[in-house]
Amino acid sequence: MDIPSVGRWIMLALAAVLLVQAVRALRPALRARPGERVDAWLAFADPLAAVPVSLAPAAGEIGFLLCGLAVLGPIMAWRLARSLQARRRGPTPA
């Protein structure tokens, strides 16, 4: 698979943005209270696991892409399941 040079730079920029987003989500994950830890850690893990997925096509490594998707898929499915559960439970009282 041959990716143009511009596409490689776009993927590298996307990986940098995802890495910054993961670093910004780390502090709230570390400070989360016991009932809120899972969502905070999922918000951290999602962009962190997406970094190798965006770097793999830029490097031309399809195997690396598939390994990254194997990690990212369950994280995204877990976030989706938790958001659907929260929507089903309704708003939490203040």
N, C-alpha and C. Protein backbone atom coordinates (compact mmCIF):
# COMPACT_ATOMS: atom_id res chain seq x y z
N MET A 1 0.86 -1.17 0.00
CA MET A 1 0.00 0.00 0.00
C MET A 1 0.90 1.23 0.00
N ASP A 2 0.71 2.06 -0.99
CA ASP A 2 1.53 3.27 -1.10
C ASP A 2 0.68 4.48 -0.73
N ILE A 3 1.13 5.18 0.28
CA ILE A 3 0.42 6.36 0.77
C ILE A 3 1.22 7.59 0.37
N PRO A 4 0.59 8.61 -0.19
CA PRO A 4 1.32 9.82 -0.58
C PRO A 4 1.95 10.50 0.64
N SER A 5 2.94 11.30 0.37
CA SER A 5 3.69 11.98 1.43
C SER A 5 2.78 12.88 2.28
N VAL A 6 1.84 13.55 1.63
CA VAL A 6 0.92 14.43 2.36
C VAL A 6 0.07 13.60 3.33
N GLY A 7 -0.36 12.44 2.90
CA GLY A 7 -1.15 11.56 3.76
C GLY A 7 -0.36 11.10 4.97
N ARG A 8 0.93 10.82 4.78
CA ARG A 8 1.77 10.42 5.91
C ARG A 8 1.88 11.55 6.93
N TRP A 9 2.06 12.77 6.45
CA TRP A 9 2.16 13.90 7.38
C TRP A 9 0.86 14.15 8.12
N ILE A 10 -0.26 13.95 7.43
CA ILE A 10 -1.56 14.11 8.08
C ILE A 10 -1.73 13.06 9.17
N MET A 11 -1.33 11.82 8.89
CA MET A 11 -1.44 10.76 9.90
C MET A 11 -0.51 11.01 11.08
N LEU A 12 0.67 11.53 10.82
CA LEU A 12 1.59 11.88 11.91
C LEU A 12 1.02 13.01 12.77
N ALA A 13 0.40 14.00 12.13
CA ALA A 13 -0.23 15.09 12.88
C ALA A 13 -1.41 14.57 13.70
N LEU A 14 -2.18 13.67 13.12
CA LEU A 14 -3.30 13.07 13.86
C LEU A 14 -2.79 12.29 15.07
N ALA A 15 -1.69 11.56 14.91
CA ALA A 15 -1.11 10.82 16.04
C ALA A 15 -0.63 11.77 17.13
N ALA A 16 -0.06 12.90 16.74
CA ALA A 16 0.39 13.88 17.73
C ALA A 16 -0.80 14.47 18.49
N VAL A 17 -1.87 14.77 17.78
CA VAL A 17 -3.06 15.31 18.43
C VAL A 17 -3.66 14.28 19.39
N LEU A 18 -3.71 13.04 18.97
CA LEU A 18 -4.24 11.98 19.84
C LEU A 18 -3.37 11.78 21.07
N LEU A 19 -2.07 11.90 20.92
CA LEU A 19 -1.18 11.75 22.06
C LEU A 19 -1.38 12.89 23.05
N VAL A 20 -1.54 14.10 22.56
CA VAL A 20 -1.81 15.25 23.45
C VAL A 20 -3.15 15.06 24.15
N GLN A 21 -4.14 14.57 23.43
CA GLN A 21 -5.45 14.34 24.03
C GLN A 21 -5.36 13.27 25.12
N ALA A 22 -4.57 12.24 24.91
CA ALA A 22 -4.40 11.19 25.92
C ALA A 22 -3.70 11.73 27.16
N VAL A 23 -2.69 12.57 26.96
CA VAL A 23 -1.97 13.14 28.10
C VAL A 23 -2.90 14.06 28.90
N ARG A 24 -3.74 14.81 28.21
CA ARG A 24 -4.69 15.69 28.90
C ARG A 24 -5.75 14.90 29.67
N ALA A 25 -6.08 13.70 29.21
CA ALA A 25 -7.08 12.88 29.89
C ALA A 25 -6.49 12.07 31.04
N LEU A 26 -5.16 12.06 31.16
CA LEU A 26 -4.53 11.27 32.22
C LEU A 26 -4.78 11.85 33.60
N ARG A 27 -4.67 13.15 33.77
CA ARG A 27 -4.86 13.76 35.08
C ARG A 27 -6.27 13.52 35.64
N PRO A 28 -7.34 13.73 34.88
CA PRO A 28 -8.66 13.41 35.42
C PRO A 28 -8.82 11.91 35.74
N ALA A 29 -8.15 11.06 34.98
CA ALA A 29 -8.24 9.63 35.25
C ALA A 29 -7.56 9.29 36.58
N LEU A 30 -6.46 9.95 36.85
CA LEU A 30 -5.75 9.69 38.11
C LEU A 30 -6.51 10.25 39.31
N ARG A 31 -7.28 11.30 39.11
CA ARG A 31 -8.00 11.95 40.21
C ARG A 31 -9.45 11.49 40.34
N ALA A 32 -9.88 10.57 39.52
CA ALA A 32 -11.29 10.15 39.51
C ALA A 32 -11.64 9.41 40.80
N ARG A 33 -12.86 9.64 41.25
CA ARG A 33 -13.37 8.95 42.44
C ARG A 33 -13.76 7.52 42.07
N PRO A 34 -13.92 6.66 43.06
CA PRO A 34 -14.18 5.24 42.76
C PRO A 34 -15.33 4.96 41.81
N GLY A 35 -16.42 5.67 41.88
CA GLY A 35 -17.54 5.40 40.99
C GLY A 35 -17.36 5.92 39.58
N GLU A 36 -16.38 6.76 39.36
CA GLU A 36 -16.17 7.40 38.06
C GLU A 36 -14.88 6.96 37.39
N ARG A 37 -14.19 6.00 37.93
CA ARG A 37 -12.87 5.63 37.41
C ARG A 37 -12.91 5.00 36.04
N VAL A 38 -13.88 4.15 35.78
CA VAL A 38 -13.90 3.43 34.51
C VAL A 38 -14.03 4.39 33.34
N ASP A 39 -14.95 5.32 33.42
CA ASP A 39 -15.15 6.27 32.32
C ASP A 39 -13.92 7.15 32.12
N ALA A 40 -13.29 7.56 33.21
CA ALA A 40 -12.10 8.40 33.08
C ALA A 40 -10.94 7.64 32.45
N TRP A 41 -10.77 6.38 32.83
CA TRP A 41 -9.68 5.60 32.25
C TRP A 41 -9.97 5.21 30.81
N LEU A 42 -11.23 5.01 30.46
CA LEU A 42 -11.57 4.76 29.06
C LEU A 42 -11.34 6.00 28.21
N ALA A 43 -11.61 7.18 28.77
CA ALA A 43 -11.35 8.43 28.05
C ALA A 43 -9.86 8.63 27.83
N PHE A 44 -9.03 8.07 28.69
CA PHE A 44 -7.58 8.12 28.51
C PHE A 44 -7.10 7.04 27.53
N ALA A 45 -7.64 5.84 27.64
CA ALA A 45 -7.16 4.71 26.84
C ALA A 45 -7.56 4.82 25.37
N ASP A 46 -8.68 5.44 25.09
CA ASP A 46 -9.16 5.52 23.71
C ASP A 46 -8.18 6.28 22.81
N PRO A 47 -7.80 7.52 23.12
CA PRO A 47 -6.85 8.19 22.22
C PRO A 47 -5.46 7.58 22.29
N LEU A 48 -5.08 7.02 23.43
CA LEU A 48 -3.76 6.40 23.54
C LEU A 48 -3.66 5.16 22.65
N ALA A 49 -4.71 4.37 22.59
CA ALA A 49 -4.71 3.18 21.73
C ALA A 49 -4.86 3.57 20.26
N ALA A 50 -5.39 4.74 19.97
CA ALA A 50 -5.56 5.17 18.58
C ALA A 50 -4.26 5.71 17.98
N VAL A 51 -3.29 6.04 18.81
CA VAL A 51 -2.01 6.55 18.29
C VAL A 51 -1.33 5.54 17.37
N PRO A 52 -1.11 4.29 17.81
CA PRO A 52 -0.47 3.34 16.89
C PRO A 52 -1.32 3.01 15.67
N VAL A 53 -2.64 3.10 15.82
CA VAL A 53 -3.51 2.83 14.68
C VAL A 53 -3.34 3.90 13.61
N SER A 54 -3.10 5.14 14.01
CA SER A 54 -2.89 6.20 13.03
C SER A 54 -1.45 6.22 12.51
N LEU A 55 -0.51 5.70 13.28
CA LEU A 55 0.88 5.67 12.82
C LEU A 55 1.18 4.49 11.89
N ALA A 56 0.47 3.39 12.06
CA ALA A 56 0.76 2.18 11.28
C ALA A 56 0.61 2.39 9.77
N PRO A 57 -0.46 3.01 9.27
CA PRO A 57 -0.53 3.22 7.82
C PRO A 57 0.56 4.18 7.32
N ALA A 58 0.94 5.14 8.15
CA ALA A 58 1.99 6.06 7.73
C ALA A 58 3.32 5.32 7.58
N ALA A 59 3.54 4.29 8.39
CA ALA A 59 4.76 3.50 8.29
C ALA A 59 4.61 2.35 7.30
N GLY A 60 3.40 2.10 6.83
CA GLY A 60 3.17 1.03 5.88
C GLY A 60 3.12 -0.34 6.52
N GLU A 61 2.81 -0.40 7.80
CA GLU A 61 2.77 -1.66 8.53
C GLU A 61 1.32 -2.09 8.76
N ILE A 62 0.85 -3.00 7.95
CA ILE A 62 -0.52 -3.47 8.08
C ILE A 62 -0.68 -4.35 9.32
N GLY A 63 0.32 -5.16 9.64
CA GLY A 63 0.26 -6.00 10.83
C GLY A 63 0.16 -5.18 12.09
N PHE A 64 0.90 -4.09 12.15
CA PHE A 64 0.85 -3.18 13.29
C PHE A 64 -0.52 -2.53 13.40
N LEU A 65 -1.11 -2.22 12.26
CA LEU A 65 -2.45 -1.65 12.24
C LEU A 65 -3.48 -2.63 12.79
N LEU A 66 -3.39 -3.89 12.40
CA LEU A 66 -4.33 -4.89 12.88
C LEU A 66 -4.17 -5.14 14.38
N CYS A 67 -2.94 -5.14 14.87
CA CYS A 67 -2.72 -5.30 16.32
C CYS A 67 -3.30 -4.10 17.08
N GLY A 68 -3.10 -2.91 16.54
CA GLY A 68 -3.66 -1.72 17.18
C GLY A 68 -5.18 -1.73 17.19
N LEU A 69 -5.78 -2.20 16.11
CA LEU A 69 -7.24 -2.30 16.06
C LEU A 69 -7.76 -3.37 17.01
N ALA A 70 -6.97 -4.41 17.24
CA ALA A 70 -7.38 -5.45 18.19
C ALA A 70 -7.43 -4.89 19.61
N VAL A 71 -6.61 -3.90 19.90
CA VAL A 71 -6.64 -3.25 21.22
C VAL A 71 -7.71 -2.17 21.26
N LEU A 72 -7.81 -1.39 20.20
CA LEU A 72 -8.74 -0.26 20.16
C LEU A 72 -10.20 -0.71 20.08
N GLY A 73 -10.48 -1.80 19.41
CA GLY A 73 -11.85 -2.28 19.25
C GLY A 73 -12.58 -2.54 20.57
N PRO A 74 -12.00 -3.33 21.48
CA PRO A 74 -12.69 -3.55 22.75
C PRO A 74 -12.84 -2.28 23.59
N ILE A 75 -11.89 -1.38 23.51
CA ILE A 75 -11.99 -0.12 24.26
C ILE A 75 -13.18 0.68 23.75
N MET A 76 -13.30 0.79 22.44
CA MET A 76 -14.42 1.54 21.87
C MET A 76 -15.75 0.85 22.14
N ALA A 77 -15.77 -0.49 22.10
CA ALA A 77 -17.01 -1.22 22.39
C ALA A 77 -17.42 -1.03 23.85
N TRP A 78 -16.44 -1.02 24.75
CA TRP A 78 -16.73 -0.83 26.17
C TRP A 78 -17.28 0.57 26.42
N ARG A 79 -16.67 1.59 25.77
CA ARG A 79 -17.18 2.96 25.91
C ARG A 79 -18.60 3.07 25.39
N LEU A 80 -18.89 2.41 24.27
CA LEU A 80 -20.24 2.43 23.71
C LEU A 80 -21.23 1.77 24.66
N ALA A 81 -20.85 0.63 25.21
CA ALA A 81 -21.75 -0.07 26.13
C ALA A 81 -22.02 0.77 27.38
N ARG A 82 -21.01 1.42 27.91
CA ARG A 82 -21.20 2.25 29.11
C ARG A 82 -22.06 3.47 28.79
N SER A 83 -21.89 4.06 27.62
CA SER A 83 -22.72 5.22 27.29
C SER A 83 -24.17 4.81 27.07
N LEU A 84 -24.41 3.65 26.49
CA LEU A 84 -25.78 3.16 26.33
C LEU A 84 -26.41 2.83 27.67
N GLN A 85 -25.63 2.26 28.59
CA GLN A 85 -26.14 2.00 29.94
C GLN A 85 -26.50 3.30 30.65
N ALA A 86 -25.65 4.30 30.53
CA ALA A 86 -25.91 5.58 31.18
C ALA A 86 -27.15 6.23 30.59
N ARG A 87 -27.34 6.12 29.31
CA ARG A 87 -28.51 6.71 28.67
C ARG A 87 -29.78 5.98 29.10
N ARG A 88 -29.67 4.67 29.28
CA ARG A 88 -30.84 3.88 29.70
C ARG A 88 -31.23 4.18 31.14
N ARG A 89 -30.21 4.42 31.99
CA ARG A 89 -30.50 4.73 33.40
C ARG A 89 -31.10 6.10 33.58
N GLY A 90 -30.84 6.99 32.67
CA GLY A 90 -31.36 8.35 32.77
C GLY A 90 -30.39 9.26 33.49
N PRO A 91 -30.80 10.52 33.66
CA PRO A 91 -29.90 11.49 34.32
C PRO A 91 -29.72 11.14 35.80
N THR A 92 -28.52 11.40 36.29
CA THR A 92 -28.23 11.15 37.72
C THR A 92 -28.65 12.36 38.52
N PRO A 93 -29.26 12.18 39.68
CA PRO A 93 -29.65 13.33 40.51
C PRO A 93 -28.44 14.02 41.09
N ALA A 94 -28.52 15.32 41.24
CA ALA A 94 -27.39 16.10 41.76
C ALA A 94 -27.30 16.09 43.25
